[in-house]
Amino acid sequence: MEKQKITGSEALLKTLIAEGVDTIFGYPGGQAIPIYDSLYDYRDQLKHVLVRHEQGATHAAQGYARVSGKVGVTLVTSGPGATNTITGIADALMDSTPMVVIAGQVPSPLLGTDAFQEVDVIGIAQPITKWAYQIRRPEEIAWAVSRAFYIASTGRPGPVVLDLAKDAQVGLVDYEYKKVDFVRSYQPEPEINRDRIKTAAALINSAKKPFCLVGQGVLLGGAEEELKAFLLKNDIPAGSTVLGLSAMPSDFPLNKGMLGMHGNVGPNRKTNECDVLIAIGMRFDDRVTGDLNTYAKQAKIIHLDIDNSEIGKNVPVDVKVLGNAKHTIPMITELLEERKRPEWNAEFEPDAREEYEKVIEKELSPASGQLKMGEVVRKVSEATGNDAILVTDVGQNQMMGVRYFKYKQTRSVVTSGGLGTMGFGLPAAMGAKFGAPDRTVCFFTGDGGMQMTIQELGTIMQEKLDVKIIILNNNFLGMVRQWQELFFHERYSNTTMENPDFVAIAKAYGIASRAVDKREELDEAIAEMLAHDGAYVLVANVETCGMVLPMVPAGASVTNMILGDK
């Protein structure tokens, strides 16, 4: 019996379903109409979320991917539809987030003619993707889509862009799905060198003061339990990068806190006091290392990573362990001696006390004055039993969020790390709720970032999404203001913001909302927000000139931390 021919658009949707896709974030337009027309017949199998801007679609796909571990999918039209996704694609590449962006394109005979809404998507996207490919024939669709998912989700994950010409969407094809699980010259899982495993284990066994840096590679590899077993066997203290947070529960006994510019004092200082530094699935970003000339010069460095290009890129290493952390960590653990290191772990305690007395106590338990960002974050976290998903925007709200929110479960932090995209948070929170519908999603944003993608309140309204939105409103672009205060002689150039009535805006979208100014009202307002069935906007009017401390000035040593007001 002869196979029945189907359109390229239908072949696209069938392949998405075969790849396990259940949710798509998108926005229709002229060169994607055939896909959307086919989607009408697949509504029972594919949930399409109509965002209000294509950038929102990419960030929602990122939020979905980060909490679910699946590939996020975005569907847009050509021209401005495609170019509006570029920021989200770059963000996904920097933060190793698996995402497939499918963009409609003008019919192939019109390519290169400056046709209406034609743009060279592949040329633009190639530097910020793992793979970018233009599909001109319907016969290529099943292969290209499956290959896209394989590349996006394996090895070090990342974004893939498919540019789908309109004639390929409407053309007929004998459809056959074949799962792609091999691409010549692409080795997602590098071969593990056992000699280096032995060398790494011997170095750790001989160490007096080992310290572990935990990055997102642990989460991406699903190696959270392997990490804990590794740390416990040799009693190794650990600190996390921003994206590595929640790989360990906040109360895990060897979790000493966060690394980096606004990280905890102990992990930053001990980086320059340990004798063996073990970096797992992190890339030695400048926000973690500070001045490379003074970074961990006393230590032997072991770097575990799946991406060979990251090892030795910024920091010279003594032992290079290439491979998936899920496999490499237990291989090292097997060779470790059972060890207790009470004196070394106790060395973190004076640093923690100093930070608490100089910074944390003032931020979390102020005696008077306006609301502080940190106290709002911590009270929300505690009100959820420290069991919610934290989503942040970028800026002071982000750093206060990751510093003072607490975690019990893995994949509980969604934030824009490498690119630092203001406007990321609101759509990412939507995606996180779709990716983990049974979990509470708490989204912290500043007044600036909120207004960059505020239109996505329309998506939340339409989808009836239960997302808790906390606006830390200080009427400033807070992080830039902080830098202006500390390093630019308090010249507040273009950072003051006159803001709208956020409560009225929420009301216009049919979303419950409340503003809180007084400390004595905060607990009740948070309880009201969490008890409310549905989305809620809580506007916390916080102090105008709040500071995120500690702070390592840009380019300074990680041990050079500002703990006071100036």
Protein backbone atom coordinates (compact mmCIF):
# COMPACT_ATOMS: atom_id res chain seq x y z
CA MET A 1 0.00 0.00 0.00
CA GLU A 2 1.41 3.39 -0.98
CA LYS A 3 2.27 5.74 1.86
CA GLN A 4 -0.01 8.73 2.19
CA LYS A 5 1.79 11.98 1.56
CA ILE A 6 1.54 14.72 4.19
CA THR A 7 2.62 18.36 4.20
CA GLY A 8 5.95 19.46 5.56
CA SER A 9 4.13 21.31 8.33
CA GLU A 10 2.45 18.13 9.47
CA ALA A 11 5.76 16.27 9.23
CA LEU A 12 7.23 18.92 11.54
CA LEU A 13 4.52 18.41 14.15
CA LYS A 14 4.67 14.61 13.95
CA THR A 15 8.42 14.74 14.51
CA LEU A 16 8.06 17.09 17.47
CA ILE A 17 5.62 14.65 19.06
CA ALA A 18 7.97 11.75 18.33
CA GLU A 19 10.73 13.70 20.10
CA GLY A 20 8.58 13.94 23.22
CA VAL A 21 7.47 17.56 22.88
CA ASP A 22 4.26 18.49 24.67
CA THR A 23 4.56 22.29 24.97
CA ILE A 24 5.50 24.96 22.41
CA PHE A 25 5.93 28.67 23.10
CA GLY A 26 5.21 30.73 20.03
CA TYR A 27 3.72 33.58 18.06
CA PRO A 28 2.20 33.15 14.58
CA GLY A 29 2.91 35.22 11.48
CA GLY A 30 2.73 35.13 7.70
CA GLN A 31 5.57 32.72 6.93
CA ALA A 32 4.52 30.31 9.71
CA ILE A 33 0.78 30.15 8.98
CA PRO A 34 0.94 26.69 7.33
CA ILE A 35 2.54 25.31 10.53
CA TYR A 36 -0.11 26.95 12.68
CA ASP A 37 -2.83 25.63 10.39
CA SER A 38 -1.53 22.08 10.87
CA LEU A 39 -1.23 22.73 14.60
CA TYR A 40 -5.02 23.20 14.69
CA ASP A 41 -5.40 19.43 14.14
CA TYR A 42 -2.83 18.53 16.82
CA ARG A 43 -4.22 20.62 19.68
CA ASP A 44 -4.82 17.51 21.77
CA GLN A 45 -1.15 16.47 21.55
CA LEU A 46 0.75 19.75 21.47
CA LYS A 47 0.04 22.58 23.89
CA HIS A 48 0.81 25.90 22.21
CA VAL A 49 1.33 28.87 24.52
CA LEU A 50 0.67 32.19 22.80
CA VAL A 51 3.23 34.60 24.22
CA ARG A 52 3.02 38.36 23.71
CA HIS A 53 6.51 38.81 22.22
CA GLU A 54 8.91 36.36 20.58
CA GLN A 55 11.67 37.14 23.09
CA GLY A 56 9.20 35.99 25.72
CA ALA A 57 8.81 32.71 23.84
CA THR A 58 12.53 31.97 24.08
CA HIS A 59 12.78 32.85 27.77
CA ALA A 60 9.67 30.78 28.51
CA ALA A 61 11.25 27.85 26.66
CA GLN A 62 14.38 28.36 28.76
CA GLY A 63 12.42 28.34 32.02
CA TYR A 64 10.60 25.20 30.90
CA ALA A 65 13.86 23.46 30.00
CA ARG A 66 15.69 24.46 33.16
CA VAL A 67 13.15 22.99 35.57
CA SER A 68 12.03 19.98 33.49
CA GLY A 69 15.31 18.87 31.94
CA LYS A 70 13.55 18.63 28.58
CA VAL A 71 14.21 20.64 25.42
CA GLY A 72 12.35 23.95 25.26
CA VAL A 73 10.63 24.66 21.92
CA THR A 74 9.85 28.02 20.33
CA LEU A 75 7.87 28.59 17.10
CA VAL A 76 7.93 31.99 15.37
CA THR A 77 7.55 33.58 11.97
CA SER A 78 10.22 35.08 9.71
CA GLY A 79 11.85 38.50 9.78
CA PRO A 80 11.15 40.35 13.03
CA GLY A 81 9.63 37.21 14.53
CA ALA A 82 12.96 35.44 14.11
CA THR A 83 15.16 38.39 15.07
CA ASN A 84 13.15 38.91 18.27
CA THR A 85 14.39 35.50 19.45
CA ILE A 86 18.09 36.37 19.19
CA THR A 87 18.53 37.58 22.77
CA GLY A 88 16.96 34.39 24.14
CA ILE A 89 19.09 32.22 21.87
CA ALA A 90 22.28 33.96 23.02
CA ASP A 91 21.13 33.59 26.63
CA ALA A 92 20.52 29.86 26.14
CA LEU A 93 23.97 29.37 24.65
CA MET A 94 25.70 31.16 27.52
CA ASP A 95 23.74 29.15 30.11
CA SER A 96 23.85 25.78 28.29
CA THR A 97 20.06 25.50 28.01
CA PRO A 98 18.63 22.98 25.50
CA MET A 99 16.27 24.81 23.15
CA VAL A 100 15.03 24.42 19.57
CA VAL A 101 13.82 27.56 17.82
CA ILE A 102 11.77 26.97 14.66
CA ALA A 103 11.32 30.03 12.47
CA GLY A 104 9.21 30.34 9.36
CA GLN A 105 11.01 31.71 6.30
CA VAL A 106 10.01 33.09 2.91
CA PRO A 107 9.64 30.52 0.08
CA SER A 108 13.04 29.32 -1.13
CA PRO A 109 12.70 30.90 -4.63
CA LEU A 110 12.51 34.29 -2.89
CA LEU A 111 15.57 33.80 -0.68
CA GLY A 112 18.11 36.55 -1.25
CA THR A 113 15.62 38.92 -2.89
CA ASP A 114 14.87 41.06 0.19
CA ALA A 115 11.34 39.71 0.16
CA PHE A 116 8.84 40.97 2.73
CA GLN A 117 9.96 39.84 6.21
CA GLU A 118 13.02 38.02 4.86
CA VAL A 119 16.17 38.08 6.97
CA ASP A 120 19.30 35.89 6.99
CA VAL A 121 18.41 33.98 10.16
CA ILE A 122 21.19 31.42 9.74
CA GLY A 123 23.84 34.11 9.30
CA ILE A 124 22.65 35.88 12.42
CA ALA A 125 22.16 32.77 14.54
CA GLN A 126 25.27 30.72 13.74
CA PRO A 127 27.59 32.41 16.28
CA ILE A 128 25.07 31.87 19.12
CA THR A 129 23.85 28.32 18.44
CA LYS A 130 25.17 24.77 18.54
CA TRP A 131 23.66 24.28 15.08
CA ALA A 132 21.65 26.46 12.70
CA TYR A 133 20.11 25.00 9.55
CA GLN A 134 17.82 26.18 6.78
CA ILE A 135 15.23 23.67 5.53
CA ARG A 136 14.23 24.20 1.91
CA ARG A 137 12.61 20.84 1.08
CA PRO A 138 9.90 18.92 2.95
CA GLU A 139 12.01 15.74 2.71
CA GLU A 140 14.56 17.29 5.10
CA ILE A 141 12.14 18.14 7.90
CA ALA A 142 11.99 14.89 9.89
CA TRP A 143 15.77 14.46 9.73
CA ALA A 144 16.57 18.09 10.58
CA VAL A 145 14.16 18.25 13.53
CA SER A 146 15.40 15.00 15.08
CA ARG A 147 19.01 16.07 14.56
CA ALA A 148 18.19 19.44 16.18
CA PHE A 149 16.86 17.74 19.32
CA TYR A 150 19.84 15.40 19.49
CA ILE A 151 22.33 18.27 19.24
CA ALA A 152 20.42 20.58 21.61
CA SER A 153 20.05 17.99 24.37
CA THR A 154 23.34 16.07 24.33
CA GLY A 155 26.86 16.90 25.46
CA ARG A 156 26.91 20.45 26.72
CA PRO A 157 23.30 21.43 25.93
CA GLY A 158 22.43 24.55 23.97
CA PRO A 159 20.16 26.18 21.40
CA VAL A 160 19.53 25.08 17.82
CA VAL A 161 17.77 27.14 15.15
CA LEU A 162 15.80 25.71 12.23
CA ASP A 163 14.85 28.14 9.45
CA LEU A 164 11.89 26.58 7.62
CA ALA A 165 11.09 27.91 4.15
CA LYS A 166 7.38 28.26 3.41
CA ASP A 167 7.48 26.02 0.34
CA ALA A 168 8.94 23.23 2.50
CA GLN A 169 6.02 23.72 4.90
CA VAL A 170 3.35 23.30 2.21
CA GLY A 171 5.14 20.72 0.03
CA LEU A 172 4.11 17.05 0.26
CA VAL A 173 6.38 14.29 1.54
CA ASP A 174 6.34 10.55 2.25
CA TYR A 175 6.79 10.91 5.99
CA GLU A 176 9.12 8.63 7.89
CA TYR A 177 10.54 9.40 11.32
CA LYS A 178 14.02 8.17 12.15
CA LYS A 179 15.58 9.07 15.47
CA VAL A 180 18.95 10.77 15.04
CA ASP A 181 21.43 9.54 17.64
CA PHE A 182 24.71 10.06 15.82
CA VAL A 183 26.29 13.00 14.03
CA ARG A 184 29.65 12.54 12.38
CA SER A 185 32.40 14.66 14.01
CA TYR A 186 30.17 15.42 17.02
CA GLN A 187 31.14 13.58 20.20
CA PRO A 188 28.75 14.66 22.94
CA GLU A 189 30.10 12.21 25.55
CA PRO A 190 33.92 12.32 25.47
CA GLU A 191 35.88 9.21 26.28
CA ILE A 192 36.95 9.24 29.93
CA ASN A 193 40.67 8.97 30.63
CA ARG A 194 41.05 6.61 33.61
CA ASP A 195 44.60 7.69 34.32
CA ARG A 196 43.38 11.22 34.94
CA ILE A 197 40.65 9.86 37.22
CA LYS A 198 43.36 8.12 39.27
CA THR A 199 45.53 11.25 39.32
CA ALA A 200 42.61 13.40 40.47
CA ALA A 201 41.68 10.96 43.25
CA ALA A 202 45.29 10.72 44.46
CA LEU A 203 45.56 14.51 44.57
CA ILE A 204 42.37 14.80 46.62
CA ASN A 205 43.46 12.01 48.98
CA SER A 206 46.75 13.82 49.64
CA ALA A 207 45.05 17.20 50.14
CA LYS A 208 44.83 18.86 53.54
CA LYS A 209 42.38 21.56 52.44
CA PRO A 210 40.38 20.48 49.35
CA PHE A 211 37.55 22.73 48.17
CA CYS A 212 34.91 21.95 45.52
CA LEU A 213 33.31 24.44 43.13
CA VAL A 214 29.90 23.19 41.96
CA GLY A 215 28.59 24.41 38.62
CA GLN A 216 25.51 23.82 36.52
CA GLY A 217 27.17 20.86 34.83
CA VAL A 218 26.18 18.81 37.89
CA LEU A 219 22.51 19.64 37.28
CA LEU A 220 22.72 19.18 33.51
CA GLY A 221 24.33 15.77 33.97
CA GLY A 222 21.80 14.72 36.63
CA ALA A 223 24.73 14.12 38.99
CA GLU A 224 23.33 15.64 42.19
CA GLU A 225 23.40 12.39 44.21
CA GLU A 226 26.84 11.51 42.84
CA LEU A 227 28.11 14.92 43.94
CA LYS A 228 26.80 14.50 47.49
CA ALA A 229 28.36 11.03 47.81
CA PHE A 230 31.69 12.41 46.54
CA LEU A 231 31.72 15.30 49.03
CA LEU A 232 30.61 13.19 51.99
CA LYS A 233 33.14 10.40 51.46
CA ASN A 234 36.13 12.75 51.70
CA ASP A 235 34.43 15.48 53.80
CA ILE A 236 35.06 18.14 51.16
CA PRO A 237 33.45 21.58 51.64
CA ALA A 238 31.78 23.02 48.53
CA GLY A 239 30.56 26.31 47.10
CA SER A 240 28.20 26.86 44.17
CA THR A 241 28.13 29.13 41.18
CA VAL A 242 24.83 30.97 40.66
CA LEU A 243 23.69 28.37 38.11
CA GLY A 244 24.97 25.53 40.27
CA LEU A 245 22.71 26.51 43.17
CA SER A 246 20.20 23.79 44.15
CA ALA A 247 22.54 20.98 43.03
CA MET A 248 22.91 20.64 46.81
CA PRO A 249 20.11 21.46 49.25
CA SER A 250 20.75 24.70 51.14
CA ASP A 251 21.09 22.79 54.41
CA PHE A 252 23.47 20.12 53.06
CA PRO A 253 26.23 20.00 55.72
CA LEU A 254 29.11 20.59 53.28
CA ASN A 255 27.34 23.39 51.38
CA LYS A 256 29.26 26.54 52.31
CA GLY A 257 27.30 28.89 50.07
CA MET A 258 27.67 30.81 46.83
CA LEU A 259 30.79 31.82 44.96
CA GLY A 260 31.46 35.02 43.09
CA MET A 261 31.06 38.79 43.01
CA HIS A 262 28.11 38.78 45.44
CA GLY A 263 28.82 35.36 46.90
CA ASN A 264 29.49 34.33 50.46
CA VAL A 265 32.67 35.36 52.24
CA GLY A 266 33.85 31.86 53.18
CA PRO A 267 33.75 30.25 49.72
CA ASN A 268 35.47 33.25 48.13
CA ARG A 269 38.25 33.48 50.73
CA LYS A 270 38.81 29.74 50.90
CA THR A 271 39.29 29.61 47.13
CA ASN A 272 42.58 31.37 47.83
CA GLU A 273 43.44 29.23 50.88
CA CYS A 274 42.67 25.67 49.76
CA ASP A 275 45.46 23.38 48.53
CA VAL A 276 43.34 21.45 45.99
CA LEU A 277 40.52 23.13 44.07
CA ILE A 278 38.03 20.78 42.38
CA ALA A 279 35.85 22.52 39.77
CA ILE A 280 32.89 20.49 38.49
CA GLY A 281 30.81 21.59 35.51
CA MET A 282 31.65 25.28 35.74
CA ARG A 283 33.56 27.57 33.42
CA PHE A 284 35.55 29.89 35.70
CA ASP A 285 33.48 32.90 34.69
CA ASP A 286 34.97 36.31 35.53
CA ARG A 287 32.19 36.92 38.05
CA VAL A 288 33.46 33.87 39.97
CA THR A 289 37.22 34.33 39.60
CA GLY A 290 37.72 38.06 39.87
CA ASP A 291 41.35 38.91 39.08
CA LEU A 292 42.82 35.82 37.43
CA ASN A 293 46.33 36.92 38.44
CA THR A 294 45.45 36.35 42.11
CA TYR A 295 42.96 33.47 41.73
CA ALA A 296 43.77 30.22 43.58
CA LYS A 297 47.50 30.51 42.84
CA GLN A 298 48.33 28.32 45.87
CA ALA A 299 46.13 25.42 44.80
CA LYS A 300 46.44 22.42 42.54
CA ILE A 301 43.38 22.59 40.27
CA ILE A 302 41.27 19.67 39.05
CA HIS A 303 38.64 20.55 36.43
CA LEU A 304 35.81 18.16 35.53
CA ASP A 305 33.81 19.25 32.48
CA ILE A 306 32.08 17.80 29.45
CA ASP A 307 33.28 20.63 27.19
CA ASN A 308 36.98 20.42 26.37
CA SER A 309 37.06 24.08 25.27
CA GLU A 310 36.32 25.22 28.83
CA ILE A 311 39.22 23.38 30.46
CA GLY A 312 42.23 25.67 30.72
CA LYS A 313 40.41 28.50 28.94
CA ASN A 314 40.58 30.95 31.83
CA VAL A 315 42.39 29.12 34.62
CA PRO A 316 45.35 26.74 34.04
CA VAL A 317 44.57 23.29 35.47
CA ASP A 318 46.76 20.52 36.85
CA VAL A 319 44.37 17.64 36.18
CA LYS A 320 41.86 17.70 33.33
CA VAL A 321 38.95 15.25 33.62
CA LEU A 322 36.86 15.31 30.47
CA GLY A 323 33.42 13.70 30.56
CA ASN A 324 29.88 13.83 31.90
CA ALA A 325 29.88 14.56 35.64
CA LYS A 326 27.32 11.78 36.09
CA HIS A 327 30.07 9.31 35.12
CA THR A 328 33.31 11.02 36.18
CA ILE A 329 32.32 11.95 39.74
CA PRO A 330 31.56 8.37 40.91
CA MET A 331 34.73 7.07 39.23
CA ILE A 332 36.76 9.47 41.39
CA THR A 333 34.63 8.79 44.49
CA GLU A 334 35.37 5.07 44.22
CA LEU A 335 39.09 5.81 44.63
CA LEU A 336 38.73 8.29 47.49
CA GLU A 337 39.63 7.49 51.08
CA GLU A 338 36.99 7.88 53.77
CA ARG A 339 38.06 11.06 55.50
CA LYS A 340 36.90 13.54 58.11
CA ARG A 341 38.22 17.09 57.93
CA PRO A 342 36.75 18.86 60.99
CA GLU A 343 39.50 21.48 61.28
CA TRP A 344 39.31 22.50 57.61
CA ASN A 345 35.51 22.69 57.59
CA ALA A 346 35.61 24.70 60.82
CA GLU A 347 37.77 27.33 59.09
CA PHE A 348 34.68 28.50 57.18
CA GLU A 349 32.87 29.39 60.41
CA PRO A 350 34.63 32.68 61.30
CA ASP A 351 34.00 33.93 57.75
CA ALA A 352 30.33 32.98 58.01
CA ARG A 353 30.03 34.76 61.37
CA GLU A 354 31.70 37.90 60.03
CA GLU A 355 29.38 37.97 57.01
CA TYR A 356 26.34 37.43 59.23
CA GLU A 357 27.28 40.25 61.60
CA LYS A 358 28.35 42.78 58.96
CA VAL A 359 25.85 42.01 56.18
CA ILE A 360 23.21 39.31 56.64
CA GLU A 361 21.74 40.29 60.02
CA LYS A 362 21.23 43.90 58.86
CA GLU A 363 19.60 42.70 55.62
CA LEU A 364 17.29 40.09 57.11
CA SER A 365 16.44 41.58 60.51
CA PRO A 366 16.54 45.37 60.25
CA ALA A 367 15.34 47.17 63.37
CA SER A 368 13.73 50.04 61.49
CA GLY A 369 13.57 51.88 58.19
CA GLN A 370 12.16 50.83 54.82
CA LEU A 371 11.74 47.24 53.69
CA LYS A 372 14.95 45.56 52.55
CA MET A 373 15.17 43.34 49.49
CA GLY A 374 16.82 40.47 51.36
CA GLU A 375 14.19 40.29 54.08
CA VAL A 376 11.41 40.09 51.47
CA VAL A 377 13.20 37.27 49.65
CA ARG A 378 13.91 35.26 52.80
CA LYS A 379 10.36 35.65 54.16
CA VAL A 380 8.87 34.42 50.87
CA SER A 381 11.26 31.46 50.83
CA GLU A 382 10.43 30.49 54.39
CA ALA A 383 6.70 30.87 53.77
CA THR A 384 6.98 28.23 51.02
CA GLY A 385 8.88 25.88 53.34
CA ASN A 386 12.01 26.63 51.27
CA ASP A 387 10.54 24.29 48.66
CA ALA A 388 9.59 26.60 45.79
CA ILE A 389 11.26 27.33 42.46
CA LEU A 390 13.10 30.65 42.47
CA VAL A 391 12.98 32.60 39.21
CA THR A 392 14.72 35.97 39.05
CA ASP A 393 15.17 38.78 36.63
CA VAL A 394 18.61 40.45 36.49
CA GLY A 395 20.17 42.98 38.81
CA GLN A 396 19.91 43.51 42.56
CA ASN A 397 16.73 41.42 42.68
CA GLN A 398 18.69 38.54 41.14
CA MET A 399 21.59 38.66 43.56
CA MET A 400 19.30 39.11 46.58
CA GLY A 401 17.19 36.23 45.27
CA VAL A 402 20.04 33.75 44.91
CA ARG A 403 21.64 34.87 48.18
CA TYR A 404 18.59 34.61 50.42
CA PHE A 405 16.21 32.09 48.86
CA LYS A 406 16.71 28.53 50.11
CA TYR A 407 16.30 25.19 48.32
CA LYS A 408 15.35 21.62 49.13
CA GLN A 409 14.98 20.20 45.62
CA THR A 410 17.21 20.21 42.58
CA ARG A 411 16.42 22.40 39.55
CA SER A 412 15.00 25.10 41.81
CA VAL A 413 16.82 28.15 40.40
CA VAL A 414 16.04 29.80 37.05
CA THR A 415 18.06 32.90 36.30
CA SER A 416 20.01 34.47 33.44
CA GLY A 417 23.62 33.83 34.39
CA GLY A 418 26.02 34.37 31.52
CA LEU A 419 24.17 36.96 29.45
CA GLY A 420 22.39 38.73 32.32
CA THR A 421 19.24 39.51 30.35
CA MET A 422 16.87 42.00 31.92
CA GLY A 423 13.33 40.94 31.02
CA PHE A 424 14.27 37.26 31.25
CA GLY A 425 12.37 36.60 34.45
CA LEU A 426 8.65 37.01 33.79
CA PRO A 427 8.48 34.75 30.70
CA ALA A 428 10.97 32.32 32.29
CA ALA A 429 8.64 32.05 35.29
CA MET A 430 5.78 31.16 32.94
CA GLY A 431 7.90 28.47 31.33
CA ALA A 432 8.98 27.15 34.73
CA LYS A 433 5.34 26.73 35.76
CA PHE A 434 4.60 24.75 32.59
CA GLY A 435 7.73 22.67 33.19
CA ALA A 436 6.92 21.95 36.84
CA PRO A 437 3.16 22.52 37.23
CA ASP A 438 3.01 20.93 40.69
CA ARG A 439 5.59 23.26 42.22
CA THR A 440 5.22 26.81 43.53
CA VAL A 441 7.01 29.33 41.30
CA CYS A 442 8.18 32.53 42.98
CA PHE A 443 9.50 35.19 40.61
CA PHE A 444 11.50 38.14 41.94
CA THR A 445 12.08 41.13 39.72
CA GLY A 446 13.05 44.76 39.89
CA ASP A 447 10.87 47.55 38.59
CA GLY A 448 13.19 47.92 35.59
CA GLY A 449 13.31 44.29 34.43
CA MET A 450 9.58 43.87 35.00
CA GLN A 451 8.81 46.55 32.44
CA MET A 452 10.99 44.97 29.76
CA THR A 453 8.62 42.02 29.26
CA ILE A 454 5.57 43.15 31.25
CA GLN A 455 3.32 42.29 28.31
CA GLU A 456 3.67 38.61 29.26
CA LEU A 457 1.14 39.27 32.01
CA GLY A 458 -1.26 38.79 29.09
CA THR A 459 -0.02 35.24 28.61
CA ILE A 460 -0.34 34.57 32.34
CA MET A 461 -3.90 35.90 32.20
CA GLN A 462 -4.89 33.84 29.17
CA GLU A 463 -3.29 30.63 30.46
CA LYS A 464 -4.50 31.20 34.05
CA LEU A 465 -0.98 30.45 35.28
CA ASP A 466 -0.36 30.36 39.02
CA VAL A 467 2.88 32.36 39.19
CA LYS A 468 3.77 34.42 42.25
CA ILE A 469 5.38 37.69 41.12
CA ILE A 470 7.26 39.80 43.67
CA ILE A 471 8.38 43.22 42.41
CA LEU A 472 11.19 44.66 44.56
CA ASN A 473 10.40 48.24 43.68
CA ASN A 474 13.04 50.85 44.51
CA ASN A 475 12.33 53.30 41.65
CA PHE A 476 15.88 52.82 40.40
CA LEU A 477 17.84 50.62 38.05
CA GLY A 478 19.26 49.27 41.27
CA MET A 479 22.43 47.44 40.28
CA VAL A 480 23.68 50.19 38.01
CA ARG A 481 22.83 52.68 40.77
CA GLN A 482 24.92 50.60 43.19
CA TRP A 483 27.92 50.76 40.86
CA GLN A 484 27.38 54.50 40.37
CA GLU A 485 27.39 54.98 44.15
CA LEU A 486 30.47 52.85 44.79
CA PHE A 487 32.64 53.59 41.77
CA PHE A 488 31.27 56.66 39.95
CA HIS A 489 31.05 59.26 42.75
CA GLU A 490 27.27 58.94 43.16
CA ARG A 491 26.63 60.39 39.70
CA TYR A 492 23.23 58.73 39.12
CA SER A 493 23.08 59.11 35.37
CA ASN A 494 19.81 57.78 33.92
CA THR A 495 19.09 55.24 36.63
CA THR A 496 16.15 56.87 38.42
CA MET A 497 12.83 55.43 37.25
CA GLU A 498 9.36 56.88 37.39
CA ASN A 499 7.20 53.78 37.55
CA PRO A 500 3.56 53.03 36.79
CA ASP A 501 1.04 51.75 39.29
CA PHE A 502 1.94 48.06 39.12
CA VAL A 503 -1.15 47.09 41.15
CA ALA A 504 -3.40 48.84 38.63
CA ILE A 505 -1.60 47.13 35.74
CA ALA A 506 -2.06 43.73 37.37
CA LYS A 507 -5.75 44.53 37.89
CA ALA A 508 -6.10 45.39 34.21
CA TYR A 509 -4.87 41.86 33.42
CA GLY A 510 -7.27 40.36 35.95
CA ILE A 511 -4.40 39.38 38.26
CA ALA A 512 -4.69 39.76 42.03
CA SER A 513 -2.24 42.28 43.43
CA ARG A 514 -1.20 44.21 46.51
CA ALA A 515 1.46 46.73 47.43
CA VAL A 516 3.26 46.60 50.77
CA ASP A 517 5.39 49.35 52.34
CA LYS A 518 5.43 48.48 56.03
CA ARG A 519 7.40 45.69 57.69
CA GLU A 520 4.48 44.77 59.94
CA GLU A 521 2.31 44.06 56.88
CA LEU A 522 4.84 41.90 55.04
CA ASP A 523 4.10 38.47 56.56
CA GLU A 524 0.37 38.87 56.02
CA ALA A 525 0.85 40.04 52.41
CA ILE A 526 3.10 37.06 51.62
CA ALA A 527 0.61 34.64 53.20
CA GLU A 528 -2.20 36.20 51.14
CA MET A 529 -0.13 35.85 47.94
CA LEU A 530 0.74 32.19 48.54
CA ALA A 531 -2.80 31.27 49.59
CA HIS A 532 -4.31 32.87 46.50
CA ASP A 533 -5.38 30.41 43.81
CA GLY A 534 -3.78 31.88 40.71
CA ALA A 535 -1.26 34.50 39.69
CA TYR A 536 -0.47 37.24 42.17
CA VAL A 537 1.61 40.41 41.95
CA LEU A 538 3.11 41.56 45.25
CA VAL A 539 4.72 45.00 44.97
CA ALA A 540 7.24 45.37 47.79
CA ASN A 541 8.30 49.01 47.99
CA VAL A 542 11.85 48.59 49.26
CA GLU A 543 14.55 51.05 50.27
CA THR A 544 15.72 53.24 47.41
CA CYS A 545 19.45 52.86 47.99
CA GLY A 546 19.75 49.22 49.06
CA MET A 547 23.09 47.53 48.42
CA VAL A 548 23.89 43.93 47.53
CA LEU A 549 26.79 43.00 49.76
CA PRO A 550 29.33 41.46 49.99
CA MET A 551 30.71 42.70 46.69
CA VAL A 552 33.96 41.90 44.92
CA PRO A 553 34.71 44.95 42.74
CA ALA A 554 35.07 44.10 39.05
CA GLY A 555 38.61 42.92 38.32
CA ALA A 556 39.58 42.69 42.00
CA SER A 557 40.74 39.59 43.84
CA VAL A 558 37.97 37.34 45.17
CA THR A 559 39.31 37.97 48.68
CA ASN A 560 38.85 41.74 48.26
CA MET A 561 35.22 41.97 49.37
CA ILE A 562 33.29 45.08 50.32
CA LEU A 563 31.33 44.26 53.47
CA GLY A 564 30.37 47.75 54.61
CA ASP A 565 28.29 50.45 52.97
CA LYS A 566 31.14 51.89 50.96
